[in-house]
């Protein structure tokens, strides 16, 4: 007969503890009670628990660092659900920064330069950052100055659409330039 242990494939299995202290886990002599269906004020913990039990709800510690701790009589599972929903909403509204990359060679032709310039203008107008870089293959690294001039010319051509965030900088075999949009994105 196999003995049951509390170990999973990655170590001990721990039950997730609630983020807030609820009901009997609140171990302070008195609490400040807030909520919709109760009279607000400072109550002994036993009395607050009795009120919560009477309403068939949970006593949840909202602010443990206050003196006395602030508790609310609510349905705990509903409260946790609402909290997760709020967090999800905040995450969804947070703007993701998109960085578009444009690659040049040290001897990029004029037509290719103009073509890539139009793409960069479109990216910056839509509120995305542009990271342009010159990639030096083999012995092309001797054309470092040419690559820097190309990137500076690129930045100058885009000064109406974006501002330079990072001037040309050589990292390994690549020289980078980062541009951020000037105005807020048009929707």
C-alpha atoms as a PDB file:
ATOM      1  CA  UNK A   1       0.000   0.000   0.000  1.00  0.00           C
ATOM      2  CA  UNK A   2       1.492   3.309  -1.155  1.00  0.00           C
ATOM      3  CA  UNK A   3       1.864   5.981   1.456  1.00  0.00           C
ATOM      4  CA  UNK A   4       0.393   9.369   0.511  1.00  0.00           C
ATOM      5  CA  UNK A   5       2.823  12.255   0.760  1.00  0.00           C
ATOM      6  CA  UNK A   6       2.449  15.957   0.151  1.00  0.00           C
ATOM      7  CA  UNK A   7       5.110  16.136  -2.556  1.00  0.00           C
ATOM      8  CA  UNK A   8       4.500  16.915  -6.193  1.00  0.00           C
ATOM      9  CA  UNK A   9       6.971  16.725  -9.085  1.00  0.00           C
ATOM     10  CA  UNK A  10       8.485  20.089  -8.071  1.00  0.00           C
ATOM     11  CA  UNK A  11       8.609  19.716  -4.306  1.00  0.00           C
ATOM     12  CA  UNK A  12       6.110  20.030  -1.469  1.00  0.00           C
ATOM     13  CA  UNK A  13       2.534  20.926  -2.342  1.00  0.00           C
ATOM     14  CA  UNK A  14       1.394  23.956  -0.408  1.00  0.00           C
ATOM     15  CA  UNK A  15      -2.187  25.020  -0.123  1.00  0.00           C
ATOM     16  CA  UNK A  16      -2.588  28.608  -1.199  1.00  0.00           C
ATOM     17  CA  UNK A  17      -3.286  30.667   1.876  1.00  0.00           C
ATOM     18  CA  UNK A  18      -5.910  33.411   1.606  1.00  0.00           C
ATOM     19  CA  UNK A  19      -4.557  36.910   1.019  1.00  0.00           C
ATOM     20  CA  UNK A  20      -6.690  38.330   3.831  1.00  0.00           C
ATOM     21  CA  UNK A  21      -7.391  37.047   7.322  1.00  0.00           C
ATOM     22  CA  UNK A  22     -10.971  35.906   7.620  1.00  0.00           C
ATOM     23  CA  UNK A  23     -13.308  34.880  10.449  1.00  0.00           C
ATOM     24  CA  UNK A  24     -11.475  32.963  13.226  1.00  0.00           C
ATOM     25  CA  UNK A  25      -8.036  33.815  11.766  1.00  0.00           C
ATOM     26  CA  UNK A  26      -8.441  37.416  12.958  1.00  0.00           C
ATOM     27  CA  UNK A  27      -6.643  37.379  16.322  1.00  0.00           C
ATOM     28  CA  UNK A  28      -6.907  40.974  17.562  1.00  0.00           C
ATOM     29  CA  UNK A  29      -9.084  41.998  20.556  1.00  0.00           C
ATOM     30  CA  UNK A  30     -11.102  44.602  18.619  1.00  0.00           C
ATOM     31  CA  UNK A  31     -11.712  45.675  15.024  1.00  0.00           C
ATOM     32  CA  UNK A  32     -13.123  48.682  13.194  1.00  0.00           C
ATOM     33  CA  UNK A  33     -16.146  47.418  11.300  1.00  0.00           C
ATOM     34  CA  UNK A  34     -17.219  48.913   7.962  1.00  0.00           C
ATOM     35  CA  UNK A  35     -19.749  47.672   5.467  1.00  0.00           C
ATOM     36  CA  UNK A  36     -23.175  48.127   3.941  1.00  0.00           C
ATOM     37  CA  UNK A  37     -25.468  46.252   6.321  1.00  0.00           C
ATOM     38  CA  UNK A  38     -23.772  47.061   9.658  1.00  0.00           C
ATOM     39  CA  UNK A  39     -23.362  50.092  11.872  1.00  0.00           C
ATOM     40  CA  UNK A  40     -19.801  51.324  11.489  1.00  0.00           C
ATOM     41  CA  UNK A  41     -17.605  51.547  14.564  1.00  0.00           C
ATOM     42  CA  UNK A  42     -15.117  49.727  16.773  1.00  0.00           C
ATOM     43  CA  UNK A  43     -16.348  46.322  17.984  1.00  0.00           C
ATOM     44  CA  UNK A  44     -14.822  43.473  19.988  1.00  0.00           C
ATOM     45  CA  UNK A  45     -13.746  40.769  17.525  1.00  0.00           C
ATOM     46  CA  UNK A  46     -16.163  38.195  19.011  1.00  0.00           C
ATOM     47  CA  UNK A  47     -19.118  40.546  18.515  1.00  0.00           C
ATOM     48  CA  UNK A  48     -18.050  41.322  14.910  1.00  0.00           C
ATOM     49  CA  UNK A  49     -17.785  37.563  14.229  1.00  0.00           C
ATOM     50  CA  UNK A  50     -21.263  37.030  15.699  1.00  0.00           C
ATOM     51  CA  UNK A  51     -22.668  39.782  13.435  1.00  0.00           C
ATOM     52  CA  UNK A  52     -21.030  38.190  10.377  1.00  0.00           C
ATOM     53  CA  UNK A  53     -22.353  34.768  11.387  1.00  0.00           C
ATOM     54  CA  UNK A  54     -25.841  36.214  11.871  1.00  0.00           C
ATOM     55  CA  UNK A  55     -25.774  37.644   8.309  1.00  0.00           C
ATOM     56  CA  UNK A  56     -24.283  34.349   6.991  1.00  0.00           C
ATOM     57  CA  UNK A  57     -21.267  36.218   5.594  1.00  0.00           C
ATOM     58  CA  UNK A  58     -17.536  36.378   6.369  1.00  0.00           C
ATOM     59  CA  UNK A  59     -15.604  38.851   8.505  1.00  0.00           C
ATOM     60  CA  UNK A  60     -12.670  39.896   6.283  1.00  0.00           C
ATOM     61  CA  UNK A  61      -9.673  41.937   7.435  1.00  0.00           C
ATOM     62  CA  UNK A  62      -9.300  44.656   4.774  1.00  0.00           C
ATOM     63  CA  UNK A  63      -6.601  46.837   6.338  1.00  0.00           C
ATOM     64  CA  UNK A  64      -4.464  44.893   8.841  1.00  0.00           C
ATOM     65  CA  UNK A  65      -2.007  47.752   9.484  1.00  0.00           C
ATOM     66  CA  UNK A  66      -4.622  50.205  10.792  1.00  0.00           C
ATOM     67  CA  UNK A  67      -5.213  50.584  14.521  1.00  0.00           C
ATOM     68  CA  UNK A  68      -7.550  48.801  15.181  1.00  0.00           C
ATOM     69  CA  UNK A  69      -7.546  46.693  11.969  1.00  0.00           C
ATOM     70  CA  UNK A  70     -10.374  47.489   9.541  1.00  0.00           C
ATOM     71  CA  UNK A  71     -12.739  44.588   8.802  1.00  0.00           C
ATOM     72  CA  UNK A  72     -15.717  44.246   6.521  1.00  0.00           C
ATOM     73  CA  UNK A  73     -18.621  41.817   6.588  1.00  0.00           C
ATOM     74  CA  UNK A  74     -18.868  40.407   3.032  1.00  0.00           C
ATOM     75  CA  UNK A  75     -19.010  37.173   1.053  1.00  0.00           C
ATOM     76  CA  UNK A  76     -15.265  36.366   0.845  1.00  0.00           C
ATOM     77  CA  UNK A  77     -15.377  34.351  -2.401  1.00  0.00           C
ATOM     78  CA  UNK A  78     -17.299  37.166  -4.110  1.00  0.00           C
ATOM     79  CA  UNK A  79     -14.778  39.685  -2.722  1.00  0.00           C
ATOM     80  CA  UNK A  80     -11.817  37.695  -4.119  1.00  0.00           C
ATOM     81  CA  UNK A  81     -13.580  37.394  -7.490  1.00  0.00           C
ATOM     82  CA  UNK A  82     -14.123  41.184  -7.638  1.00  0.00           C
ATOM     83  CA  UNK A  83     -10.465  41.804  -6.717  1.00  0.00           C
ATOM     84  CA  UNK A  84      -9.245  39.499  -9.524  1.00  0.00           C
ATOM     85  CA  UNK A  85     -11.632  41.166 -11.955  1.00  0.00           C
ATOM     86  CA  UNK A  86     -10.244  44.621 -11.041  1.00  0.00           C
ATOM     87  CA  UNK A  87      -6.646  43.406 -11.458  1.00  0.00           C
ATOM     88  CA  UNK A  88      -7.477  41.959 -14.877  1.00  0.00           C
ATOM     89  CA  UNK A  89      -9.084  45.231 -15.933  1.00  0.00           C
ATOM     90  CA  UNK A  90      -6.058  47.239 -14.797  1.00  0.00           C
ATOM     91  CA  UNK A  91      -3.780  44.891 -16.728  1.00  0.00           C
ATOM     92  CA  UNK A  92      -5.928  45.162 -19.860  1.00  0.00           C
ATOM     93  CA  UNK A  93      -5.865  48.967 -19.749  1.00  0.00           C
ATOM     94  CA  UNK A  94      -2.087  49.138 -19.310  1.00  0.00           C
ATOM     95  CA  UNK A  95      -0.449  50.214 -22.567  1.00  0.00           C
ATOM     96  CA  UNK A  96       2.037  47.800 -24.037  1.00  0.00           C
ATOM     97  CA  UNK A  97       5.085  49.439 -25.595  1.00  0.00           C
ATOM     98  CA  UNK A  98       5.673  48.104 -29.084  1.00  0.00           C
ATOM     99  CA  UNK A  99       9.143  48.461 -30.571  1.00  0.00           C
ATOM    100  CA  UNK A 100       9.447  48.060 -34.338  1.00  0.00           C
ATOM    101  CA  UNK A 101      12.898  47.284 -35.725  1.00  0.00           C
ATOM    102  CA  UNK A 102      14.282  48.577 -38.992  1.00  0.00           C
ATOM    103  CA  UNK A 103      17.517  47.104 -40.299  1.00  0.00           C
ATOM    104  CA  UNK A 104      20.073  48.825 -42.502  1.00  0.00           C
ATOM    105  CA  UNK A 105      23.371  47.785 -43.981  1.00  0.00           C
ATOM    106  CA  UNK A 106      26.327  50.196 -43.902  1.00  0.00           C
ATOM    107  CA  UNK A 107      25.961  50.784 -47.659  1.00  0.00           C
ATOM    108  CA  UNK A 108      22.155  51.037 -47.893  1.00  0.00           C
ATOM    109  CA  UNK A 109      20.989  52.548 -51.199  1.00  0.00           C
ATOM    110  CA  UNK A 110      18.968  55.774 -51.352  1.00  0.00           C
ATOM    111  CA  UNK A 111      15.781  53.976 -52.484  1.00  0.00           C
ATOM    112  CA  UNK A 112      15.960  51.470 -49.585  1.00  0.00           C
ATOM    113  CA  UNK A 113      16.592  54.332 -47.163  1.00  0.00           C
ATOM    114  CA  UNK A 114      13.464  56.194 -48.361  1.00  0.00           C
ATOM    115  CA  UNK A 115      11.393  52.990 -48.266  1.00  0.00           C
ATOM    116  CA  UNK A 116      12.396  52.243 -44.666  1.00  0.00           C
ATOM    117  CA  UNK A 117      11.915  55.895 -43.735  1.00  0.00           C
ATOM    118  CA  UNK A 118       8.240  55.713 -44.833  1.00  0.00           C
ATOM    119  CA  UNK A 119       7.732  52.603 -42.686  1.00  0.00           C
ATOM    120  CA  UNK A 120       9.297  54.335 -39.682  1.00  0.00           C
ATOM    121  CA  UNK A 121       7.015  57.368 -40.189  1.00  0.00           C
ATOM    122  CA  UNK A 122       3.967  55.105 -40.183  1.00  0.00           C
ATOM    123  CA  UNK A 123       5.162  53.293 -37.026  1.00  0.00           C
ATOM    124  CA  UNK A 124       5.804  56.547 -35.155  1.00  0.00           C
ATOM    125  CA  UNK A 125       2.425  58.006 -36.225  1.00  0.00           C
ATOM    126  CA  UNK A 126       0.663  54.955 -34.794  1.00  0.00           C
ATOM    127  CA  UNK A 127       2.442  55.451 -31.431  1.00  0.00           C
ATOM    128  CA  UNK A 128       5.068  52.706 -31.667  1.00  0.00           C
ATOM    129  CA  UNK A 129       8.757  53.080 -30.898  1.00  0.00           C
ATOM    130  CA  UNK A 130      11.270  52.525 -33.700  1.00  0.00           C
ATOM    131  CA  UNK A 131      14.635  50.895 -33.212  1.00  0.00           C
ATOM    132  CA  UNK A 132      16.803  51.318 -36.289  1.00  0.00           C
ATOM    133  CA  UNK A 133      20.091  49.518 -36.547  1.00  0.00           C
ATOM    134  CA  UNK A 134      22.958  49.073 -38.952  1.00  0.00           C
ATOM    135  CA  UNK A 135      24.243  45.503 -39.065  1.00  0.00           C
ATOM    136  CA  UNK A 136      27.908  45.150 -39.972  1.00  0.00           C
ATOM    137  CA  UNK A 137      28.816  41.811 -41.593  1.00  0.00           C
ATOM    138  CA  UNK A 138      32.377  40.578 -41.695  1.00  0.00           C
ATOM    139  CA  UNK A 139      34.795  43.351 -42.585  1.00  0.00           C
ATOM    140  CA  UNK A 140      32.022  45.927 -43.006  1.00  0.00           C
ATOM    141  CA  UNK A 141      32.781  47.027 -39.422  1.00  0.00           C
ATOM    142  CA  UNK A 142      35.407  49.354 -40.942  1.00  0.00           C
ATOM    143  CA  UNK A 143      32.452  51.477 -42.169  1.00  0.00           C
ATOM    144  CA  UNK A 144      31.365  52.400 -38.601  1.00  0.00           C
ATOM    145  CA  UNK A 145      31.338  56.116 -39.386  1.00  0.00           C
ATOM    146  CA  UNK A 146      29.222  55.505 -42.486  1.00  0.00           C
ATOM    147  CA  UNK A 147      26.681  53.591 -40.378  1.00  0.00           C
ATOM    148  CA  UNK A 148      26.552  56.344 -37.769  1.00  0.00           C
ATOM    149  CA  UNK A 149      26.011  59.001 -40.452  1.00  0.00           C
ATOM    150  CA  UNK A 150      23.198  56.892 -41.926  1.00  0.00           C
ATOM    151  CA  UNK A 151      21.441  56.596 -38.549  1.00  0.00           C
ATOM    152  CA  UNK A 152      21.832  60.295 -37.768  1.00  0.00           C
ATOM    153  CA  UNK A 153      20.398  61.145 -41.211  1.00  0.00           C
ATOM    154  CA  UNK A 154      17.507  58.765 -40.460  1.00  0.00           C
ATOM    155  CA  UNK A 155      16.853  60.476 -37.094  1.00  0.00           C
ATOM    156  CA  UNK A 156      16.993  63.924 -38.701  1.00  0.00           C
ATOM    157  CA  UNK A 157      14.480  62.891 -41.388  1.00  0.00           C
ATOM    158  CA  UNK A 158      12.100  61.699 -38.638  1.00  0.00           C
ATOM    159  CA  UNK A 159      12.422  64.663 -36.262  1.00  0.00           C
ATOM    160  CA  UNK A 160       8.838  65.818 -37.105  1.00  0.00           C
ATOM    161  CA  UNK A 161       7.423  62.399 -36.134  1.00  0.00           C
ATOM    162  CA  UNK A 162       9.528  61.314 -33.174  1.00  0.00           C
ATOM    163  CA  UNK A 163      12.290  62.222 -30.776  1.00  0.00           C
ATOM    164  CA  UNK A 164      15.595  60.425 -30.367  1.00  0.00           C
ATOM    165  CA  UNK A 165      15.601  58.344 -27.204  1.00  0.00           C
ATOM    166  CA  UNK A 166      19.001  56.743 -27.679  1.00  0.00           C
ATOM    167  CA  UNK A 167      21.728  58.146 -29.936  1.00  0.00           C
ATOM    168  CA  UNK A 168      23.651  55.763 -32.232  1.00  0.00           C
ATOM    169  CA  UNK A 169      25.533  53.283 -30.077  1.00  0.00           C
ATOM    170  CA  UNK A 170      27.673  50.365 -31.216  1.00  0.00           C
ATOM    171  CA  UNK A 171      26.953  47.008 -29.563  1.00  0.00           C
ATOM    172  CA  UNK A 172      28.914  44.148 -31.055  1.00  0.00           C
ATOM    173  CA  UNK A 173      28.290  44.129 -34.797  1.00  0.00           C
ATOM    174  CA  UNK A 174      25.242  46.390 -34.623  1.00  0.00           C
ATOM    175  CA  UNK A 175      24.825  50.125 -34.190  1.00  0.00           C
ATOM    176  CA  UNK A 176      21.453  51.088 -32.654  1.00  0.00           C
ATOM    177  CA  UNK A 177      19.282  54.214 -32.656  1.00  0.00           C
ATOM    178  CA  UNK A 178      15.956  54.371 -30.762  1.00  0.00           C
ATOM    179  CA  UNK A 179      13.145  56.804 -31.573  1.00  0.00           C
ATOM    180  CA  UNK A 180       9.951  57.422 -29.586  1.00  0.00           C
ATOM    181  CA  UNK A 181       6.770  58.992 -30.999  1.00  0.00           C
ATOM    182  CA  UNK A 182       6.330  62.720 -30.370  1.00  0.00           C
ATOM    183  CA  UNK A 183       2.553  62.979 -30.140  1.00  0.00           C
ATOM    184  CA  UNK A 184       0.043  60.541 -28.672  1.00  0.00           C
ATOM    185  CA  UNK A 185      -1.089  57.814 -31.089  1.00  0.00           C
ATOM    186  CA  UNK A 186      -3.976  58.654 -33.416  1.00  0.00           C
ATOM    187  CA  UNK A 187      -6.947  56.311 -33.156  1.00  0.00           C
END
